[in-house]
N, C-alpha and C. Protein backbone atom coordinates (compact mmCIF):
# COMPACT_ATOMS: atom_id res chain seq x y z
N MET A 1 3.74 29.47 33.90
CA MET A 1 3.34 28.59 32.85
C MET A 1 4.55 28.84 31.69
N ALA A 2 5.03 27.71 31.35
CA ALA A 2 6.22 27.78 30.33
C ALA A 2 5.70 27.80 28.91
N ASP A 3 6.36 28.70 28.06
CA ASP A 3 5.84 28.58 26.56
C ASP A 3 6.53 27.45 25.93
N LEU A 4 5.82 26.69 25.12
CA LEU A 4 6.35 25.73 24.28
C LEU A 4 6.03 25.78 22.86
N ARG A 5 7.18 25.76 22.13
CA ARG A 5 6.83 25.86 20.58
C ARG A 5 7.04 24.58 19.96
N VAL A 6 5.96 24.27 19.24
CA VAL A 6 6.06 23.16 18.34
C VAL A 6 5.95 23.36 16.99
N PRO A 7 6.58 22.45 16.22
CA PRO A 7 6.61 22.90 14.76
C PRO A 7 5.12 22.66 14.03
N ASN A 8 4.93 23.43 13.02
CA ASN A 8 3.73 23.32 12.48
C ASN A 8 3.61 22.02 11.88
N PRO A 9 2.38 21.41 11.55
CA PRO A 9 2.24 20.03 11.12
C PRO A 9 2.92 19.90 9.55
N ALA A 10 2.92 20.94 8.78
CA ALA A 10 3.53 20.71 7.54
C ALA A 10 5.15 20.60 7.80
N SER A 11 5.58 21.38 8.51
CA SER A 11 7.16 21.20 8.62
C SER A 11 7.49 20.04 9.23
N PHE A 12 6.59 19.43 10.41
CA PHE A 12 6.94 18.42 11.03
C PHE A 12 7.01 17.12 9.95
N MET A 13 6.01 17.13 8.97
CA MET A 13 6.06 15.99 8.13
C MET A 13 7.19 16.11 7.15
N ILE A 14 7.32 17.31 6.60
CA ILE A 14 8.54 17.54 5.70
C ILE A 14 9.81 17.10 6.36
N GLN A 15 9.97 17.43 7.52
CA GLN A 15 11.18 16.98 8.31
C GLN A 15 11.34 15.54 8.37
N LYS A 16 10.15 14.88 8.60
CA LYS A 16 10.27 13.26 8.65
C LYS A 16 10.53 12.82 7.34
N LEU A 17 10.07 13.34 6.28
CA LEU A 17 10.39 12.98 4.90
C LEU A 17 11.86 13.17 4.56
N LEU A 18 12.43 14.28 5.00
CA LEU A 18 13.74 14.55 4.64
C LEU A 18 14.89 13.63 5.40
N ILE A 19 14.40 13.25 6.42
CA ILE A 19 15.44 12.38 7.29
C ILE A 19 15.30 10.88 7.12
N ARG A 20 14.33 10.61 6.19
CA ARG A 20 13.94 9.16 6.26
C ARG A 20 15.11 8.12 5.76
N ASP A 21 16.13 8.61 5.21
CA ASP A 21 17.08 7.76 4.76
C ASP A 21 18.15 7.48 5.89
N LYS A 22 17.83 8.46 6.93
CA LYS A 22 18.94 8.18 8.17
C LYS A 22 18.10 7.32 9.29
N ARG A 23 16.90 7.11 8.95
CA ARG A 23 16.07 6.28 9.99
C ARG A 23 16.05 4.93 9.30
N VAL A 24 16.04 4.03 10.17
CA VAL A 24 15.97 2.57 9.72
C VAL A 24 15.14 1.73 10.78
N GLY A 25 14.48 0.68 10.36
CA GLY A 25 13.78 -0.18 11.08
C GLY A 25 12.53 0.51 11.87
N GLN A 26 12.49 0.35 13.15
CA GLN A 26 11.47 0.76 13.91
C GLN A 26 11.17 2.28 13.82
N LYS A 27 12.58 3.00 13.90
CA LYS A 27 12.35 4.34 13.83
C LYS A 27 11.69 4.96 12.42
N ARG A 28 12.04 4.20 11.37
CA ARG A 28 11.27 4.71 10.13
C ARG A 28 9.71 4.44 10.24
N ALA A 29 9.58 3.29 10.73
CA ALA A 29 7.97 2.91 10.84
C ALA A 29 7.39 3.96 11.82
N GLN A 30 7.87 4.40 12.95
CA GLN A 30 7.50 5.33 13.90
C GLN A 30 7.26 6.59 13.14
N ASP A 31 8.22 7.09 12.40
CA ASP A 31 7.95 8.24 11.43
C ASP A 31 6.75 8.27 10.74
N VAL A 32 6.60 7.17 9.99
CA VAL A 32 5.57 6.99 9.09
C VAL A 32 3.95 7.17 9.79
N LEU A 33 4.11 6.37 11.15
CA LEU A 33 2.91 6.53 11.92
C LEU A 33 2.74 8.02 12.37
N TYR A 34 3.81 8.76 12.72
CA TYR A 34 3.69 10.09 13.18
C TYR A 34 3.10 10.91 12.03
N ILE A 35 3.56 10.64 10.56
CA ILE A 35 3.06 11.43 9.53
C ILE A 35 1.54 11.03 9.28
N HIS A 36 1.16 9.69 9.47
CA HIS A 36 -0.26 9.51 9.40
C HIS A 36 -1.08 10.12 10.28
N ASP A 37 -0.69 10.10 11.53
CA ASP A 37 -1.50 10.64 12.58
C ASP A 37 -1.66 12.22 12.66
N THR A 38 -0.43 12.92 11.88
CA THR A 38 -0.59 14.21 11.60
C THR A 38 -1.52 14.48 10.73
N LEU A 39 -1.53 13.77 9.59
CA LEU A 39 -2.37 13.99 8.48
C LEU A 39 -3.89 13.69 8.80
N GLN A 40 -4.03 12.62 9.50
CA GLN A 40 -5.37 12.40 10.23
C GLN A 40 -6.02 13.55 11.04
N LEU A 41 -4.98 14.13 11.95
CA LEU A 41 -5.42 15.22 12.85
C LEU A 41 -5.81 16.27 12.21
N PHE A 42 -5.02 16.77 11.10
CA PHE A 42 -5.10 18.02 10.46
C PHE A 42 -5.78 17.78 9.07
N TYR A 43 -6.41 16.59 8.72
CA TYR A 43 -6.88 16.44 7.56
C TYR A 43 -7.84 17.57 7.06
N GLY A 44 -8.68 17.97 7.91
CA GLY A 44 -9.68 18.86 7.47
C GLY A 44 -9.00 20.32 7.27
N ALA A 45 -7.84 20.52 7.63
CA ALA A 45 -7.38 21.91 7.42
C ALA A 45 -6.22 21.96 6.34
N ILE A 46 -6.10 20.76 5.69
CA ILE A 46 -5.14 20.85 4.64
C ILE A 46 -5.02 22.02 3.56
N GLU A 47 -6.09 22.14 2.93
CA GLU A 47 -6.29 23.11 2.02
C GLU A 47 -6.24 24.57 2.56
N THR A 48 -6.86 24.91 3.62
CA THR A 48 -6.87 26.17 4.28
C THR A 48 -5.65 26.47 5.06
N ASP A 49 -5.13 25.60 5.64
CA ASP A 49 -3.89 26.06 6.56
C ASP A 49 -2.66 25.38 6.24
N LEU A 50 -2.66 24.15 5.83
CA LEU A 50 -1.26 23.60 5.45
C LEU A 50 -0.72 23.74 4.11
N VAL A 51 -1.70 23.85 3.21
CA VAL A 51 -1.12 24.28 1.87
C VAL A 51 -0.26 25.72 1.83
N PRO A 52 -0.94 26.70 2.35
CA PRO A 52 -0.08 27.90 2.38
C PRO A 52 1.24 27.78 3.28
N ILE A 53 1.28 27.00 4.23
CA ILE A 53 2.53 26.72 4.99
C ILE A 53 3.55 25.92 3.98
N TRP A 54 3.00 24.90 3.41
CA TRP A 54 3.85 24.09 2.39
C TRP A 54 4.36 25.06 1.35
N LYS A 55 3.49 26.05 0.97
CA LYS A 55 4.11 26.73 -0.26
C LYS A 55 5.12 27.62 0.22
N GLU A 56 5.00 28.24 1.34
CA GLU A 56 6.15 29.14 1.92
C GLU A 56 7.28 28.34 2.23
N LEU A 57 7.19 27.20 2.83
CA LEU A 57 8.14 26.28 3.19
C LEU A 57 8.97 25.82 2.04
N GLU A 58 8.13 25.39 0.76
CA GLU A 58 8.77 24.90 -0.24
C GLU A 58 9.75 25.91 -0.88
N GLY A 59 9.49 27.12 -0.91
CA GLY A 59 10.38 28.31 -1.38
C GLY A 59 11.67 28.27 -0.67
N THR A 60 11.59 27.84 0.62
CA THR A 60 12.84 27.89 1.35
C THR A 60 13.86 26.78 1.22
N LEU A 61 13.17 25.80 0.40
CA LEU A 61 14.10 24.40 0.27
C LEU A 61 14.78 24.51 -1.00
N HIS A 62 16.02 23.85 -0.87
CA HIS A 62 16.83 23.73 -2.15
C HIS A 62 16.22 22.71 -3.02
N ALA A 63 16.41 22.79 -4.29
CA ALA A 63 15.60 22.04 -5.32
C ALA A 63 15.92 20.54 -4.82
N ASN A 64 16.98 20.22 -4.51
CA ASN A 64 17.27 18.73 -4.04
C ASN A 64 16.49 18.38 -2.88
N GLN A 65 16.09 19.30 -1.90
CA GLN A 65 15.34 19.04 -0.81
C GLN A 65 13.97 18.80 -1.15
N GLN A 66 13.33 19.65 -2.27
CA GLN A 66 12.16 19.65 -2.67
C GLN A 66 11.89 18.13 -3.42
N LYS A 67 12.89 17.88 -4.10
CA LYS A 67 12.91 16.62 -4.90
C LYS A 67 12.73 15.52 -3.86
N SER A 68 13.60 15.37 -2.59
CA SER A 68 13.82 14.68 -1.78
C SER A 68 12.34 14.47 -0.91
N VAL A 69 11.61 15.48 -0.82
CA VAL A 69 10.49 15.25 -0.10
C VAL A 69 9.34 14.58 -0.94
N ARG A 70 9.34 15.05 -2.19
CA ARG A 70 8.33 14.27 -3.16
C ARG A 70 8.90 12.77 -3.49
N ASP A 71 10.15 12.53 -3.44
CA ASP A 71 10.73 11.03 -3.67
C ASP A 71 10.23 10.37 -2.53
N GLY A 72 10.41 11.00 -1.18
CA GLY A 72 10.11 10.22 -0.06
C GLY A 72 8.49 9.84 -0.04
N VAL A 73 7.60 10.88 -0.36
CA VAL A 73 6.31 10.37 -0.39
C VAL A 73 6.07 9.24 -1.30
N ARG A 74 6.62 9.38 -2.51
CA ARG A 74 6.58 8.15 -3.50
C ARG A 74 7.17 6.98 -2.91
N GLU A 75 8.26 6.91 -2.27
CA GLU A 75 8.83 5.83 -1.73
C GLU A 75 8.09 5.13 -0.51
N LEU A 76 7.65 6.11 0.34
CA LEU A 76 6.87 5.37 1.38
C LEU A 76 5.39 5.23 1.12
N PHE A 77 4.74 5.96 0.07
CA PHE A 77 3.29 5.93 0.19
C PHE A 77 2.62 5.55 -1.15
N SER A 78 3.68 5.00 -2.15
CA SER A 78 3.11 4.77 -3.44
C SER A 78 2.39 3.42 -3.55
N GLY A 79 2.60 2.53 -2.50
CA GLY A 79 1.98 1.34 -2.27
C GLY A 79 2.25 0.66 -1.30
N MET A 80 1.51 -0.47 -0.71
CA MET A 80 1.77 -1.16 0.49
C MET A 80 3.23 -1.56 0.46
N ASN A 81 3.77 -1.46 1.78
CA ASN A 81 5.02 -1.79 2.10
C ASN A 81 5.36 -2.42 3.34
N ASP A 82 6.43 -2.85 3.77
CA ASP A 82 6.57 -3.36 5.14
C ASP A 82 6.78 -2.28 6.11
N VAL A 83 7.27 -0.90 5.55
CA VAL A 83 7.19 0.06 6.48
C VAL A 83 5.86 0.43 7.16
N ILE A 84 4.87 0.50 6.09
CA ILE A 84 3.47 0.88 6.56
C ILE A 84 2.90 -0.14 7.32
N ARG A 85 3.29 -1.36 7.03
CA ARG A 85 2.71 -2.63 7.90
C ARG A 85 3.10 -2.47 9.21
N GLU A 86 4.48 -2.31 9.51
CA GLU A 86 5.11 -2.06 10.73
C GLU A 86 4.63 -1.01 11.54
N ALA A 87 4.23 0.28 10.70
CA ALA A 87 3.66 1.35 11.32
C ALA A 87 2.45 1.26 12.00
N ALA A 88 1.70 0.56 11.28
CA ALA A 88 0.18 -0.05 11.55
C ALA A 88 0.16 -0.74 12.76
N ALA A 89 1.24 -1.62 13.06
CA ALA A 89 1.32 -2.52 14.18
C ALA A 89 1.79 -1.84 15.53
N ILE A 90 2.21 -0.56 15.32
CA ILE A 90 2.79 0.18 16.54
C ILE A 90 1.91 0.46 17.67
N PRO A 91 0.74 1.13 17.37
CA PRO A 91 -0.21 1.45 18.37
C PRO A 91 -0.79 0.36 19.10
N ALA A 92 -1.11 0.58 20.32
CA ALA A 92 -2.00 -0.53 21.03
C ALA A 92 -3.32 -0.89 20.27
N ASP A 93 -3.81 0.19 19.72
CA ASP A 93 -5.10 0.07 18.93
C ASP A 93 -4.71 -0.10 17.52
N LYS A 94 -4.28 -1.23 17.10
CA LYS A 94 -3.34 -1.52 15.79
C LYS A 94 -4.25 -0.70 14.68
N ARG A 95 -3.59 -0.24 13.66
CA ARG A 95 -4.26 0.42 12.60
C ARG A 95 -4.43 -0.43 11.46
N ASP A 96 -5.39 -0.17 10.61
CA ASP A 96 -5.20 -0.90 9.22
C ASP A 96 -4.41 -0.28 8.26
N PRO A 97 -3.43 -0.92 7.71
CA PRO A 97 -2.39 -0.43 6.79
C PRO A 97 -2.89 -0.01 5.54
N GLU A 98 -3.83 -0.57 5.10
CA GLU A 98 -4.43 0.01 3.83
C GLU A 98 -5.05 1.40 3.97
N ALA A 99 -5.73 1.43 5.27
CA ALA A 99 -6.56 2.81 5.47
C ALA A 99 -5.41 3.86 5.73
N MET A 100 -4.27 3.61 6.30
CA MET A 100 -3.09 4.37 6.63
C MET A 100 -2.53 4.82 5.39
N LEU A 101 -2.44 4.05 4.41
CA LEU A 101 -1.71 4.17 3.06
C LEU A 101 -2.77 5.08 2.34
N GLN A 102 -3.85 4.82 2.30
CA GLN A 102 -4.83 5.60 1.37
C GLN A 102 -4.92 7.10 2.26
N LEU A 103 -5.03 7.39 3.43
CA LEU A 103 -5.15 8.53 4.08
C LEU A 103 -3.71 9.52 3.66
N CYS A 104 -2.59 8.75 3.87
CA CYS A 104 -1.45 9.28 3.42
C CYS A 104 -1.24 9.76 2.01
N ARG A 105 -1.60 8.92 1.02
CA ARG A 105 -1.69 9.35 -0.31
C ARG A 105 -2.63 10.49 -0.68
N GLU A 106 -3.77 10.41 0.05
CA GLU A 106 -4.64 11.49 -0.31
C GLU A 106 -4.31 12.71 0.37
N GLY A 107 -3.80 12.74 1.54
CA GLY A 107 -3.26 13.85 2.21
C GLY A 107 -2.14 14.58 1.39
N PHE A 108 -1.06 13.77 1.06
CA PHE A 108 -0.22 14.51 0.31
C PHE A 108 -0.56 14.92 -1.05
N GLU A 109 -1.47 14.39 -1.64
CA GLU A 109 -1.98 14.75 -2.93
C GLU A 109 -2.70 16.14 -2.68
N ASP A 110 -3.47 16.44 -1.64
CA ASP A 110 -4.14 17.62 -1.42
C ASP A 110 -3.07 18.63 -0.87
N LEU A 111 -2.10 18.24 -0.19
CA LEU A 111 -0.95 19.13 0.13
C LEU A 111 -0.17 19.73 -0.99
N PHE A 112 0.35 18.64 -1.86
CA PHE A 112 1.28 19.13 -2.78
C PHE A 112 0.63 19.45 -3.97
N GLY A 113 -0.78 19.13 -4.20
CA GLY A 113 -1.49 19.38 -5.52
C GLY A 113 -1.25 18.24 -6.39
N GLU A 114 -0.27 17.32 -6.17
CA GLU A 114 0.05 16.18 -7.02
C GLU A 114 1.17 15.32 -6.31
N VAL A 115 1.29 14.11 -6.81
CA VAL A 115 2.29 13.26 -6.14
C VAL A 115 2.85 12.36 -7.23
């Protein structure tokens, strides 16, 4: 059996936010879908597991990176936009874009303590 290392959910989402300007079109929408699905999967563990990881990770980021993460959340999840609509249309079981937006907003508010 091979060992497989996967990033923790907080690091995964932060990485997606940090690279958002390099991603265009369908790739950006796909990243938003991944962020949503990660938040949905780990929503019950945000306060107990993800917040401590974020606090530790935040301390390793440069101030510009910390700002970029928060700017990314505001840019992608402050209101309905085409990227969220495109993300909701990707899976075969289409998602409700409003529900995606709401979950991401609430998830990041819980993770960061504010947005």
